[in-house]
Amino acid sequence: MKSIVLKLLREQNGNNVAENFNETIYSSCRSCLDTVLSLFRQDESDAKQIGVEADNLTWLLDVLAERQAAEEFSVTWANQKELALLHEKVPLVSRYHISRVTSRLFVGIGRGELLPSKDTRLLLLTTWLQPLFKDYNWLQHGCRSFDGKLVEEGIGRTILTLPLEDQQRILMSWLGSFLNGGDGCPNLQRAFEVWWRRSFVRPYSDRQGNGVSQTDSTSKE
């Protein structure tokens, strides 16, 4: 049924769609988030219900991405600080469903389906990257629809759009997790190499080039 609705939305996107449709979708998102937060606050989390709500959130995000209207979703998700703090207290079998939503957001950013602001991208990484690291091994082996390559590419692209100092902080934190977790952690080696070249190799090459230019100028004099 969800695939049918998505198909209809693709056909109608931009044509005679009610102006309040996006608000209706976001209202549903807020309802799902409220339910998930309530479940996370309970001593015994309902894994099945959390999975249902995560499926709904992922599908709603797909709808918004199709309509190029998912930026507000990324802002809302990035600001779920209480949910992220409760995340590690919830059993892995329940909480990994929420990391699927985070993964879908990073894939969307990597594909250009949504273009959140720099501040939102940084907050999204700050709030949700560590919880995603902790669930990553389970996602790889316990979630059939999970595409690790796409997720890693999306995370890397999100990081590399930030200022160099933010890239350094996030990637050095990732490096510690990767060295400890190995294959159980996202492989962001490509993003790390790009950051390294930007931070050290390119500035060194520029300095070398400037030195040669100054030497040539001196020789001519």
N, C-alpha and C. Protein backbone atom coordinates (compact mmCIF):
# COMPACT_ATOMS: atom_id res chain seq x y z
N MET A 1 0.82 -1.20 0.00
CA MET A 1 0.00 0.00 0.00
C MET A 1 0.86 1.26 0.00
N LYS A 2 1.93 1.24 0.80
CA LYS A 2 2.80 2.42 0.88
C LYS A 2 3.44 2.71 -0.47
N SER A 3 3.84 1.66 -1.20
CA SER A 3 4.47 1.86 -2.50
C SER A 3 3.48 2.47 -3.49
N ILE A 4 2.22 2.10 -3.37
CA ILE A 4 1.18 2.67 -4.25
C ILE A 4 1.01 4.16 -3.98
N VAL A 5 0.96 4.50 -2.69
CA VAL A 5 0.81 5.91 -2.32
C VAL A 5 2.00 6.72 -2.82
N LEU A 6 3.22 6.18 -2.66
CA LEU A 6 4.41 6.87 -3.15
C LEU A 6 4.34 7.09 -4.66
N LYS A 7 3.86 6.09 -5.39
CA LYS A 7 3.74 6.21 -6.84
C LYS A 7 2.77 7.33 -7.21
N LEU A 8 1.65 7.41 -6.51
CA LEU A 8 0.68 8.46 -6.77
C LEU A 8 1.26 9.84 -6.46
N LEU A 9 2.04 9.91 -5.40
CA LEU A 9 2.65 11.19 -5.03
C LEU A 9 3.66 11.63 -6.08
N ARG A 10 4.41 10.68 -6.64
CA ARG A 10 5.37 11.03 -7.69
C ARG A 10 4.64 11.63 -8.89
N GLU A 11 3.50 11.04 -9.23
CA GLU A 11 2.74 11.50 -10.38
C GLU A 11 2.13 12.87 -10.14
N GLN A 12 1.80 13.15 -8.87
CA GLN A 12 1.12 14.40 -8.56
C GLN A 12 2.07 15.48 -8.06
N ASN A 13 3.32 15.15 -7.87
CA ASN A 13 4.26 16.09 -7.27
C ASN A 13 4.30 17.39 -8.06
N GLY A 14 3.87 18.48 -7.42
CA GLY A 14 3.88 19.78 -8.07
C GLY A 14 2.62 20.07 -8.86
N ASN A 15 1.69 19.14 -8.95
CA ASN A 15 0.47 19.33 -9.73
C ASN A 15 -0.76 19.08 -8.88
N ASN A 16 -1.48 20.15 -8.59
CA ASN A 16 -2.77 20.07 -7.90
C ASN A 16 -2.69 19.32 -6.56
N VAL A 17 -1.59 19.47 -5.86
CA VAL A 17 -1.46 18.85 -4.55
C VAL A 17 -1.87 19.87 -3.50
N ALA A 18 -2.66 19.45 -2.54
CA ALA A 18 -3.15 20.37 -1.51
C ALA A 18 -1.99 21.04 -0.80
N GLU A 19 -2.14 22.34 -0.52
CA GLU A 19 -1.06 23.11 0.09
C GLU A 19 -0.72 22.62 1.49
N ASN A 20 -1.69 22.04 2.15
CA ASN A 20 -1.44 21.60 3.53
C ASN A 20 -0.98 20.15 3.62
N PHE A 21 -0.66 19.53 2.47
CA PHE A 21 -0.29 18.12 2.50
C PHE A 21 0.97 17.90 3.32
N ASN A 22 2.00 18.75 3.11
CA ASN A 22 3.25 18.58 3.85
C ASN A 22 3.02 18.70 5.35
N GLU A 23 2.16 19.64 5.74
CA GLU A 23 1.89 19.81 7.16
C GLU A 23 1.20 18.57 7.73
N THR A 24 0.36 17.94 6.93
CA THR A 24 -0.28 16.69 7.37
C THR A 24 0.76 15.61 7.60
N ILE A 25 1.73 15.52 6.68
CA ILE A 25 2.80 14.54 6.82
C ILE A 25 3.62 14.83 8.07
N TYR A 26 3.95 16.10 8.28
CA TYR A 26 4.76 16.46 9.45
C TYR A 26 3.99 16.23 10.75
N SER A 27 2.70 16.41 10.71
CA SER A 27 1.89 16.11 11.89
C SER A 27 1.98 14.62 12.23
N SER A 28 1.97 13.79 11.19
CA SER A 28 2.12 12.34 11.40
C SER A 28 3.50 12.02 11.94
N CYS A 29 4.52 12.72 11.44
CA CYS A 29 5.89 12.52 11.95
C CYS A 29 5.97 12.83 13.43
N ARG A 30 5.37 13.96 13.83
CA ARG A 30 5.41 14.35 15.24
C ARG A 30 4.69 13.33 16.11
N SER A 31 3.61 12.78 15.60
CA SER A 31 2.87 11.77 16.35
C SER A 31 3.72 10.51 16.54
N CYS A 32 4.40 10.09 15.47
CA CYS A 32 5.28 8.92 15.57
C CYS A 32 6.42 9.17 16.55
N LEU A 33 7.00 10.36 16.48
CA LEU A 33 8.11 10.69 17.38
C LEU A 33 7.66 10.70 18.84
N ASP A 34 6.48 11.25 19.08
CA ASP A 34 5.95 11.26 20.45
C ASP A 34 5.77 9.84 20.97
N THR A 35 5.30 8.95 20.11
CA THR A 35 5.10 7.56 20.50
C THR A 35 6.43 6.88 20.81
N VAL A 36 7.42 7.10 19.93
CA VAL A 36 8.74 6.50 20.13
C VAL A 36 9.37 7.00 21.43
N LEU A 37 9.28 8.30 21.67
CA LEU A 37 9.87 8.87 22.88
C LEU A 37 9.20 8.29 24.12
N SER A 38 7.89 8.14 24.06
CA SER A 38 7.16 7.54 25.18
C SER A 38 7.60 6.10 25.42
N LEU A 39 7.80 5.35 24.34
CA LEU A 39 8.25 3.96 24.46
C LEU A 39 9.67 3.89 25.01
N PHE A 40 10.53 4.81 24.60
CA PHE A 40 11.91 4.82 25.09
C PHE A 40 11.97 5.15 26.58
N ARG A 41 11.02 5.92 27.05
CA ARG A 41 11.01 6.31 28.46
C ARG A 41 10.57 5.16 29.37
N GLN A 42 9.94 4.15 28.80
CA GLN A 42 9.46 3.03 29.59
C GLN A 42 10.62 2.12 29.98
N ASP A 43 10.46 1.46 31.11
CA ASP A 43 11.51 0.54 31.57
C ASP A 43 11.67 -0.65 30.63
N GLU A 44 10.56 -1.12 30.09
CA GLU A 44 10.61 -2.26 29.17
C GLU A 44 10.07 -1.80 27.81
N SER A 45 10.98 -1.59 26.87
CA SER A 45 10.59 -1.06 25.57
C SER A 45 9.91 -2.14 24.73
N ASP A 46 8.92 -1.73 23.97
CA ASP A 46 8.19 -2.62 23.08
C ASP A 46 8.89 -2.61 21.72
N ALA A 47 9.72 -3.62 21.47
CA ALA A 47 10.52 -3.66 20.25
C ALA A 47 9.63 -3.66 19.00
N LYS A 48 8.54 -4.40 19.05
CA LYS A 48 7.66 -4.49 17.89
C LYS A 48 7.04 -3.14 17.56
N GLN A 49 6.55 -2.44 18.57
CA GLN A 49 5.91 -1.15 18.34
C GLN A 49 6.93 -0.10 17.90
N ILE A 50 8.13 -0.14 18.49
CA ILE A 50 9.18 0.78 18.06
C ILE A 50 9.52 0.54 16.59
N GLY A 51 9.57 -0.73 16.20
CA GLY A 51 9.83 -1.07 14.80
C GLY A 51 8.75 -0.52 13.88
N VAL A 52 7.50 -0.61 14.31
CA VAL A 52 6.39 -0.09 13.50
C VAL A 52 6.52 1.42 13.33
N GLU A 53 6.79 2.12 14.43
CA GLU A 53 6.91 3.58 14.36
C GLU A 53 8.12 3.99 13.52
N ALA A 54 9.22 3.24 13.62
CA ALA A 54 10.40 3.55 12.81
C ALA A 54 10.10 3.34 11.33
N ASP A 55 9.37 2.27 11.01
CA ASP A 55 8.95 2.04 9.62
C ASP A 55 8.11 3.20 9.11
N ASN A 56 7.19 3.66 9.96
CA ASN A 56 6.34 4.78 9.57
C ASN A 56 7.15 6.05 9.34
N LEU A 57 8.10 6.32 10.24
CA LEU A 57 8.94 7.51 10.10
C LEU A 57 9.78 7.44 8.82
N THR A 58 10.33 6.27 8.55
CA THR A 58 11.14 6.12 7.34
C THR A 58 10.30 6.33 6.09
N TRP A 59 9.09 5.78 6.12
CA TRP A 59 8.21 5.95 4.96
C TRP A 59 7.79 7.41 4.79
N LEU A 60 7.47 8.08 5.89
CA LEU A 60 7.10 9.49 5.82
C LEU A 60 8.27 10.33 5.30
N LEU A 61 9.48 9.96 5.70
CA LEU A 61 10.67 10.64 5.18
C LEU A 61 10.81 10.42 3.68
N ASP A 62 10.52 9.20 3.23
CA ASP A 62 10.54 8.92 1.79
C ASP A 62 9.55 9.82 1.05
N VAL A 63 8.36 9.97 1.62
CA VAL A 63 7.34 10.82 1.00
C VAL A 63 7.83 12.26 0.91
N LEU A 64 8.38 12.76 2.00
CA LEU A 64 8.86 14.15 2.01
C LEU A 64 10.03 14.34 1.05
N ALA A 65 10.91 13.33 0.97
CA ALA A 65 12.04 13.42 0.04
C ALA A 65 11.54 13.46 -1.40
N GLU A 66 10.52 12.66 -1.70
CA GLU A 66 9.94 12.68 -3.04
C GLU A 66 9.40 14.06 -3.39
N ARG A 67 8.90 14.76 -2.39
CA ARG A 67 8.31 16.08 -2.60
C ARG A 67 9.33 17.20 -2.37
N GLN A 68 10.60 16.82 -2.16
CA GLN A 68 11.67 17.79 -1.91
C GLN A 68 11.30 18.71 -0.76
N ALA A 69 10.80 18.10 0.31
CA ALA A 69 10.33 18.88 1.45
C ALA A 69 10.77 18.26 2.77
N ALA A 70 11.94 17.62 2.77
CA ALA A 70 12.38 16.86 3.95
C ALA A 70 13.32 17.63 4.86
N GLU A 71 13.63 18.88 4.52
CA GLU A 71 14.60 19.62 5.35
C GLU A 71 14.11 19.79 6.78
N GLU A 72 12.81 20.07 6.94
CA GLU A 72 12.27 20.25 8.29
C GLU A 72 12.37 18.96 9.10
N PHE A 73 12.23 17.83 8.43
CA PHE A 73 12.38 16.54 9.11
C PHE A 73 13.78 16.42 9.68
N SER A 74 14.79 16.82 8.90
CA SER A 74 16.17 16.72 9.37
C SER A 74 16.40 17.62 10.58
N VAL A 75 15.77 18.80 10.59
CA VAL A 75 15.89 19.70 11.74
C VAL A 75 15.25 19.06 12.97
N THR A 76 14.07 18.52 12.79
CA THR A 76 13.36 17.88 13.90
C THR A 76 14.15 16.71 14.46
N TRP A 77 14.68 15.87 13.58
CA TRP A 77 15.43 14.69 14.02
C TRP A 77 16.73 15.09 14.71
N ALA A 78 17.40 16.09 14.18
CA ALA A 78 18.66 16.54 14.78
C ALA A 78 18.45 17.07 16.19
N ASN A 79 17.26 17.56 16.48
CA ASN A 79 16.98 18.14 17.80
C ASN A 79 16.39 17.14 18.80
N GLN A 80 16.35 15.87 18.44
CA GLN A 80 15.81 14.85 19.35
C GLN A 80 16.88 14.42 20.36
N LYS A 81 17.31 15.36 21.18
CA LYS A 81 18.41 15.08 22.10
C LYS A 81 18.01 14.10 23.21
N GLU A 82 16.79 14.22 23.71
CA GLU A 82 16.37 13.29 24.75
C GLU A 82 16.29 11.87 24.20
N LEU A 83 15.77 11.74 23.00
CA LEU A 83 15.67 10.42 22.38
C LEU A 83 17.06 9.81 22.20
N ALA A 84 18.02 10.64 21.78
CA ALA A 84 19.39 10.15 21.59
C ALA A 84 20.03 9.75 22.92
N LEU A 85 19.75 10.50 23.97
CA LEU A 85 20.30 10.17 25.29
C LEU A 85 19.71 8.88 25.84
N LEU A 86 18.42 8.67 25.60
CA LEU A 86 17.76 7.45 26.06
C LEU A 86 18.17 6.24 25.23
N HIS A 87 18.68 6.50 24.05
CA HIS A 87 18.98 5.44 23.09
C HIS A 87 19.84 4.34 23.69
N GLU A 88 20.94 4.70 24.34
CA GLU A 88 21.87 3.68 24.84
C GLU A 88 21.30 2.90 26.02
N LYS A 89 20.23 3.40 26.63
CA LYS A 89 19.62 2.71 27.76
C LYS A 89 18.58 1.68 27.32
N VAL A 90 18.24 1.72 26.04
CA VAL A 90 17.23 0.82 25.49
C VAL A 90 17.93 -0.39 24.89
N PRO A 91 17.39 -1.60 25.04
CA PRO A 91 18.02 -2.79 24.45
C PRO A 91 18.25 -2.64 22.95
N LEU A 92 19.35 -3.18 22.50
CA LEU A 92 19.74 -3.05 21.10
C LEU A 92 18.66 -3.55 20.15
N VAL A 93 18.00 -4.64 20.53
CA VAL A 93 16.99 -5.23 19.66
C VAL A 93 15.81 -4.29 19.43
N SER A 94 15.65 -3.30 20.31
CA SER A 94 14.58 -2.31 20.15
C SER A 94 15.08 -1.04 19.49
N ARG A 95 16.24 -0.58 19.94
CA ARG A 95 16.68 0.76 19.54
C ARG A 95 17.23 0.83 18.12
N TYR A 96 17.70 -0.30 17.57
CA TYR A 96 18.33 -0.23 16.25
C TYR A 96 17.35 0.25 15.18
N HIS A 97 16.05 0.07 15.44
CA HIS A 97 15.05 0.55 14.49
C HIS A 97 15.18 2.06 14.29
N ILE A 98 15.49 2.78 15.36
CA ILE A 98 15.61 4.22 15.28
C ILE A 98 16.85 4.62 14.48
N SER A 99 17.90 3.83 14.58
CA SER A 99 19.09 4.11 13.79
C SER A 99 18.83 3.93 12.29
N ARG A 100 17.81 3.17 11.94
CA ARG A 100 17.44 3.06 10.53
C ARG A 100 16.95 4.40 9.99
N VAL A 101 16.25 5.15 10.84
CA VAL A 101 15.78 6.48 10.43
C VAL A 101 16.98 7.41 10.22
N THR A 102 17.92 7.38 11.17
CA THR A 102 19.14 8.18 11.03
C THR A 102 19.88 7.82 9.75
N SER A 103 19.99 6.53 9.48
CA SER A 103 20.69 6.08 8.27
C SER A 103 20.01 6.60 7.01
N ARG A 104 18.68 6.56 7.01
CA ARG A 104 17.93 7.05 5.84
C ARG A 104 18.17 8.54 5.61
N LEU A 105 18.30 9.29 6.69
CA LEU A 105 18.58 10.72 6.56
C LEU A 105 19.95 10.95 5.92
N PHE A 106 20.95 10.22 6.38
CA PHE A 106 22.29 10.39 5.81
C PHE A 106 22.32 9.98 4.34
N VAL A 107 21.61 8.93 4.00
CA VAL A 107 21.52 8.53 2.59
C VAL A 107 20.88 9.64 1.77
N GLY A 108 19.81 10.23 2.31
CA GLY A 108 19.14 11.31 1.60
C GLY A 108 20.03 12.52 1.40
N ILE A 109 20.81 12.86 2.41
CA ILE A 109 21.75 13.99 2.28
C ILE A 109 22.82 13.66 1.25
N GLY A 110 23.33 12.43 1.31
CA GLY A 110 24.36 12.02 0.35
C GLY A 110 23.87 12.05 -1.08
N ARG A 111 22.61 11.73 -1.28
CA ARG A 111 22.03 11.72 -2.63
C ARG A 111 21.56 13.09 -3.08
N GLY A 112 21.54 14.05 -2.17
CA GLY A 112 21.03 15.37 -2.51
C GLY A 112 19.52 15.46 -2.47
N GLU A 113 18.86 14.49 -1.84
CA GLU A 113 17.40 14.51 -1.74
C GLU A 113 16.91 15.57 -0.76
N LEU A 114 17.76 15.92 0.19
CA LEU A 114 17.45 17.01 1.11
C LEU A 114 18.72 17.79 1.38
N LEU A 115 18.56 19.08 1.59
CA LEU A 115 19.71 19.98 1.72
C LEU A 115 19.59 20.80 3.00
N PRO A 116 19.80 20.16 4.14
CA PRO A 116 19.72 20.90 5.40
C PRO A 116 20.87 21.89 5.53
N SER A 117 20.69 22.87 6.39
CA SER A 117 21.72 23.89 6.59
C SER A 117 22.96 23.28 7.25
N LYS A 118 24.05 24.04 7.23
CA LYS A 118 25.29 23.58 7.86
C LYS A 118 25.07 23.29 9.33
N ASP A 119 24.36 24.18 10.03
CA ASP A 119 24.12 23.99 11.46
C ASP A 119 23.31 22.72 11.72
N THR A 120 22.34 22.44 10.85
CA THR A 120 21.53 21.24 11.02
C THR A 120 22.36 19.99 10.76
N ARG A 121 23.20 20.02 9.73
CA ARG A 121 24.06 18.87 9.44
C ARG A 121 24.99 18.58 10.62
N LEU A 122 25.57 19.64 11.18
CA LEU A 122 26.47 19.46 12.31
C LEU A 122 25.72 18.91 13.52
N LEU A 123 24.53 19.44 13.78
CA LEU A 123 23.74 18.97 14.92
C LEU A 123 23.29 17.53 14.72
N LEU A 124 22.94 17.18 13.49
CA LEU A 124 22.54 15.81 13.19
C LEU A 124 23.68 14.84 13.48
N LEU A 125 24.88 15.19 13.06
CA LEU A 125 26.04 14.34 13.32
C LEU A 125 26.37 14.29 14.81
N THR A 126 26.29 15.43 15.48
CA THR A 126 26.61 15.49 16.90
C THR A 126 25.63 14.67 17.73
N THR A 127 24.36 14.73 17.36
CA THR A 127 23.32 14.06 18.14
C THR A 127 23.24 12.57 17.86
N TRP A 128 23.39 12.17 16.58
CA TRP A 128 23.02 10.81 16.20
C TRP A 128 24.14 9.92 15.69
N LEU A 129 25.34 10.47 15.48
CA LEU A 129 26.38 9.62 14.90
C LEU A 129 26.85 8.54 15.86
N GLN A 130 27.07 8.89 17.12
CA GLN A 130 27.52 7.88 18.09
C GLN A 130 26.47 6.79 18.32
N PRO A 131 25.17 7.14 18.48
CA PRO A 131 24.17 6.08 18.57
C PRO A 131 24.16 5.16 17.35
N LEU A 132 24.38 5.75 16.17
CA LEU A 132 24.43 4.93 14.96
C LEU A 132 25.64 4.00 14.99
N PHE A 133 26.78 4.49 15.45
CA PHE A 133 27.97 3.64 15.57
C PHE A 133 27.66 2.41 16.44
N LYS A 134 26.96 2.64 17.55
CA LYS A 134 26.70 1.56 18.50
C LYS A 134 25.76 0.50 17.93
N ASP A 135 24.94 0.89 16.97
CA ASP A 135 23.96 -0.04 16.39
C ASP A 135 24.41 -0.60 15.05
N TYR A 136 25.54 -0.13 14.54
CA TYR A 136 25.88 -0.39 13.14
C TYR A 136 26.07 -1.87 12.84
N ASN A 137 26.71 -2.58 13.73
CA ASN A 137 26.94 -4.01 13.49
C ASN A 137 25.62 -4.76 13.39
N TRP A 138 24.68 -4.40 14.26
CA TRP A 138 23.36 -5.05 14.23
C TRP A 138 22.63 -4.70 12.94
N LEU A 139 22.72 -3.44 12.52
CA LEU A 139 22.07 -3.02 11.28
C LEU A 139 22.61 -3.80 10.09
N GLN A 140 23.92 -4.01 10.08
CA GLN A 140 24.54 -4.73 8.96
C GLN A 140 24.07 -6.18 8.86
N HIS A 141 23.88 -6.81 10.01
CA HIS A 141 23.59 -8.24 10.01
C HIS A 141 22.14 -8.58 10.32
N GLY A 142 21.38 -7.59 10.83
CA GLY A 142 20.02 -7.90 11.24
C GLY A 142 18.94 -7.15 10.49
N CYS A 143 19.35 -6.37 9.48
CA CYS A 143 18.37 -5.57 8.74
C CYS A 143 18.60 -5.79 7.25
N ARG A 144 17.70 -6.51 6.61
CA ARG A 144 17.89 -6.91 5.21
C ARG A 144 17.96 -5.71 4.27
N SER A 145 17.19 -4.68 4.55
CA SER A 145 17.12 -3.54 3.64
C SER A 145 18.27 -2.55 3.84
N PHE A 146 19.14 -2.81 4.80
CA PHE A 146 20.20 -1.87 5.13
C PHE A 146 21.33 -1.96 4.11
N ASP A 147 21.70 -0.82 3.51
CA ASP A 147 22.79 -0.75 2.54
C ASP A 147 23.93 0.05 3.15
N GLY A 148 24.90 -0.66 3.71
CA GLY A 148 25.99 -0.01 4.42
C GLY A 148 26.80 0.94 3.55
N LYS A 149 27.01 0.58 2.28
CA LYS A 149 27.80 1.43 1.39
C LYS A 149 27.13 2.79 1.19
N LEU A 150 25.82 2.77 0.98
CA LEU A 150 25.09 4.03 0.79
C LEU A 150 25.12 4.87 2.06
N VAL A 151 24.96 4.22 3.20
CA VAL A 151 24.96 4.94 4.47
C VAL A 151 26.33 5.56 4.72
N GLU A 152 27.38 4.79 4.50
CA GLU A 152 28.74 5.31 4.72
C GLU A 152 29.05 6.47 3.78
N GLU A 153 28.61 6.35 2.54
CA GLU A 153 28.82 7.44 1.59
C GLU A 153 28.06 8.69 2.02
N GLY A 154 26.83 8.49 2.51
CA GLY A 154 26.04 9.63 2.96
C GLY A 154 26.64 10.31 4.18
N ILE A 155 27.11 9.51 5.14
CA ILE A 155 27.75 10.08 6.33
C ILE A 155 29.00 10.86 5.92
N GLY A 156 29.81 10.25 5.06
CA GLY A 156 31.05 10.90 4.63
C GLY A 156 30.78 12.23 3.94
N ARG A 157 29.82 12.25 3.05
CA ARG A 157 29.51 13.49 2.33
C ARG A 157 28.96 14.55 3.28
N THR A 158 28.18 14.12 4.26
CA THR A 158 27.65 15.07 5.24
C THR A 158 28.79 15.70 6.03
N ILE A 159 29.74 14.89 6.46
CA ILE A 159 30.87 15.39 7.23
C ILE A 159 31.71 16.36 6.40
N LEU A 160 31.97 16.01 5.14
CA LEU A 160 32.89 16.78 4.31
C LEU A 160 32.32 18.12 3.86
N THR A 161 31.04 18.38 4.12
CA THR A 161 30.47 19.69 3.80
C THR A 161 30.66 20.68 4.95
N LEU A 162 31.21 20.22 6.07
CA LEU A 162 31.38 21.07 7.25
C LEU A 162 32.74 21.76 7.22
N PRO A 163 32.93 22.79 8.05
CA PRO A 163 34.26 23.40 8.18
C PRO A 163 35.30 22.37 8.62
N LEU A 164 36.56 22.61 8.28
CA LEU A 164 37.62 21.63 8.53
C LEU A 164 37.74 21.26 10.00
N GLU A 165 37.56 22.24 10.90
CA GLU A 165 37.71 21.92 12.32
C GLU A 165 36.62 20.96 12.79
N ASP A 166 35.42 21.10 12.24
CA ASP A 166 34.34 20.16 12.58
C ASP A 166 34.60 18.79 11.96
N GLN A 167 35.10 18.79 10.73
CA GLN A 167 35.47 17.52 10.10
C GLN A 167 36.49 16.78 10.95
N GLN A 168 37.49 17.51 11.43
CA GLN A 168 38.55 16.89 12.23
C GLN A 168 37.99 16.28 13.50
N ARG A 169 37.16 17.03 14.20
CA ARG A 169 36.62 16.55 15.47
C ARG A 169 35.79 15.29 15.27
N ILE A 170 34.94 15.29 14.26
CA ILE A 170 34.05 14.15 14.02
C ILE A 170 34.83 12.94 13.53
N LEU A 171 35.76 13.17 12.61
CA LEU A 171 36.49 12.04 12.03
C LEU A 171 37.50 11.45 13.00
N MET A 172 38.08 12.26 13.87
CA MET A 172 38.97 11.70 14.88
C MET A 172 38.18 10.87 15.89
N SER A 173 36.97 11.32 16.21
CA SER A 173 36.10 10.52 17.07
C SER A 173 35.73 9.21 16.39
N TRP A 174 35.42 9.29 15.08
CA TRP A 174 35.12 8.07 14.32
C TRP A 174 36.31 7.12 14.33
N LEU A 175 37.52 7.66 14.17
CA LEU A 175 38.71 6.82 14.11
C LEU A 175 38.86 5.98 15.37
N GLY A 176 38.61 6.60 16.53
CA GLY A 176 38.68 5.85 17.78
C GLY A 176 37.66 4.73 17.82
N SER A 177 36.44 5.01 17.37
CA SER A 177 35.40 3.98 17.33
C SER A 177 35.74 2.89 16.34
N PHE A 178 36.29 3.28 15.19
CA PHE A 178 36.62 2.31 14.15
C PHE A 178 37.75 1.39 14.59
N LEU A 179 38.75 1.94 15.26
CA LEU A 179 39.87 1.12 15.73
C LEU A 179 39.41 0.11 16.78
N ASN A 180 38.40 0.50 17.55
CA ASN A 180 37.87 -0.41 18.58
C ASN A 180 36.84 -1.38 18.02
N GLY A 181 36.05 -0.90 17.05
CA GLY A 181 34.94 -1.71 16.56
C GLY A 181 35.18 -2.44 15.26
N GLY A 182 36.17 -2.00 14.48
CA GLY A 182 36.47 -2.66 13.22
C GLY A 182 35.28 -2.66 12.28
N ASP A 183 34.93 -3.85 11.78
CA ASP A 183 33.83 -3.99 10.83
C ASP A 183 32.48 -3.64 11.44
N GLY A 184 32.42 -3.55 12.75
CA GLY A 184 31.16 -3.19 13.41
C GLY A 184 30.91 -1.70 13.43
N CYS A 185 31.76 -0.93 12.77
CA CYS A 185 31.63 0.53 12.72
C CYS A 185 31.62 0.96 11.26
N PRO A 186 30.92 2.03 10.91
CA PRO A 186 30.94 2.48 9.51
C PRO A 186 32.36 2.74 9.03
N ASN A 187 32.63 2.38 7.80
CA ASN A 187 33.95 2.62 7.21
C ASN A 187 33.94 3.98 6.52
N LEU A 188 34.50 4.97 7.20
CA LEU A 188 34.56 6.33 6.67
C LEU A 188 35.97 6.68 6.20
N GLN A 189 36.71 5.67 5.78
CA GLN A 189 38.10 5.87 5.39
C GLN A 189 38.22 6.88 4.26
N ARG A 190 37.32 6.80 3.29
CA ARG A 190 37.40 7.71 2.15
C ARG A 190 37.24 9.17 2.60
N ALA A 191 36.26 9.41 3.47
CA ALA A 191 36.06 10.77 3.99
C ALA A 191 37.26 11.21 4.81
N PHE A 192 37.83 10.29 5.58
CA PHE A 192 39.00 10.60 6.39
C PHE A 192 40.17 11.01 5.51
N GLU A 193 40.37 10.30 4.40
CA GLU A 193 41.48 10.61 3.50
C GLU A 193 41.29 11.98 2.84
N VAL A 194 40.04 12.29 2.47
CA VAL A 194 39.77 13.60 1.87
C VAL A 194 40.06 14.71 2.87
N TRP A 195 39.58 14.53 4.11
CA TRP A 195 39.86 15.53 5.15
C TRP A 195 41.36 15.67 5.37
N TRP A 196 42.08 14.56 5.41
CA TRP A 196 43.53 14.60 5.65
C TRP A 196 44.25 15.39 4.55
N ARG A 197 43.86 15.14 3.31
CA ARG A 197 44.50 15.87 2.20
C ARG A 197 44.17 17.35 2.28
N ARG A 198 42.92 17.66 2.59
CA ARG A 198 42.53 19.07 2.70
C ARG A 198 43.30 19.78 3.82
N SER A 199 43.52 19.08 4.92
CA SER A 199 44.10 19.70 6.10
C SER A 199 45.62 19.76 6.07
N PHE A 200 46.27 18.76 5.48
CA PHE A 200 47.72 18.66 5.60
C PHE A 200 48.45 18.62 4.26
N VAL A 201 47.99 17.80 3.33
CA VAL A 201 48.72 17.65 2.07
C VAL A 201 48.61 18.91 1.22
N ARG A 202 47.38 19.41 1.03
CA ARG A 202 47.19 20.57 0.17
C ARG A 202 47.86 21.83 0.74
N PRO A 203 47.69 22.14 2.04
CA PRO A 203 48.40 23.31 2.58
C PRO A 203 49.91 23.20 2.44
N TYR A 204 50.45 21.98 2.63
CA TYR A 204 51.90 21.79 2.49
C TYR A 204 52.33 22.04 1.04
N SER A 205 51.54 21.52 0.10
CA SER A 205 51.86 21.72 -1.32
C SER A 205 51.80 23.20 -1.68
N ASP A 206 50.80 23.90 -1.12
CA ASP A 206 50.68 25.33 -1.39
C ASP A 206 51.88 26.09 -0.85
N ARG A 207 52.33 25.71 0.36
CA ARG A 207 53.50 26.38 0.94
C ARG A 207 54.75 26.12 0.11
N GLN A 208 54.87 24.87 -0.36
CA GLN A 208 56.01 24.53 -1.20
C GLN A 208 55.99 25.33 -2.49
N GLY A 209 54.79 25.46 -3.07
CA GLY A 209 54.65 26.22 -4.30
C GLY A 209 54.99 27.68 -4.10
N ASN A 210 54.55 28.24 -2.99
CA ASN A 210 54.85 29.64 -2.69
C ASN A 210 56.34 29.84 -2.48
N GLY A 211 56.98 28.83 -1.85
CA GLY A 211 58.42 28.92 -1.62
C GLY A 211 59.19 28.93 -2.93
N VAL A 212 58.77 28.09 -3.88
CA VAL A 212 59.43 28.05 -5.19
C VAL A 212 59.25 29.37 -5.91
N SER A 213 58.04 29.93 -5.83
CA SER A 213 57.76 31.20 -6.51
C SER A 213 58.62 32.31 -5.95
N GLN A 214 58.76 32.34 -4.62
CA GLN A 214 59.58 33.37 -4.00
C GLN A 214 61.04 33.22 -4.38
N THR A 215 61.51 31.96 -4.48
CA THR A 215 62.90 31.71 -4.88
C THR A 215 63.16 32.18 -6.30
N ASP A 216 62.19 31.90 -7.20
CA ASP A 216 62.33 32.33 -8.59
C ASP A 216 62.37 33.84 -8.69
N SER A 217 61.52 34.50 -7.89
CA SER A 217 61.49 35.96 -7.93
C SER A 217 62.80 36.55 -7.45
N THR A 218 63.36 35.94 -6.39
CA THR A 218 64.64 36.41 -5.86
C THR A 218 65.76 36.23 -6.87
N SER A 219 65.74 35.10 -7.57
CA SER A 219 66.77 34.80 -8.56
C SER A 219 66.74 35.82 -9.70
N LYS A 220 65.54 36.18 -10.11
CA LYS A 220 65.40 37.13 -11.22
C LYS A 220 65.91 38.51 -10.82
N GLU A 221 65.73 38.84 -9.54
CA GLU A 221 66.23 40.14 -9.09
C GLU A 221 67.75 40.15 -9.07
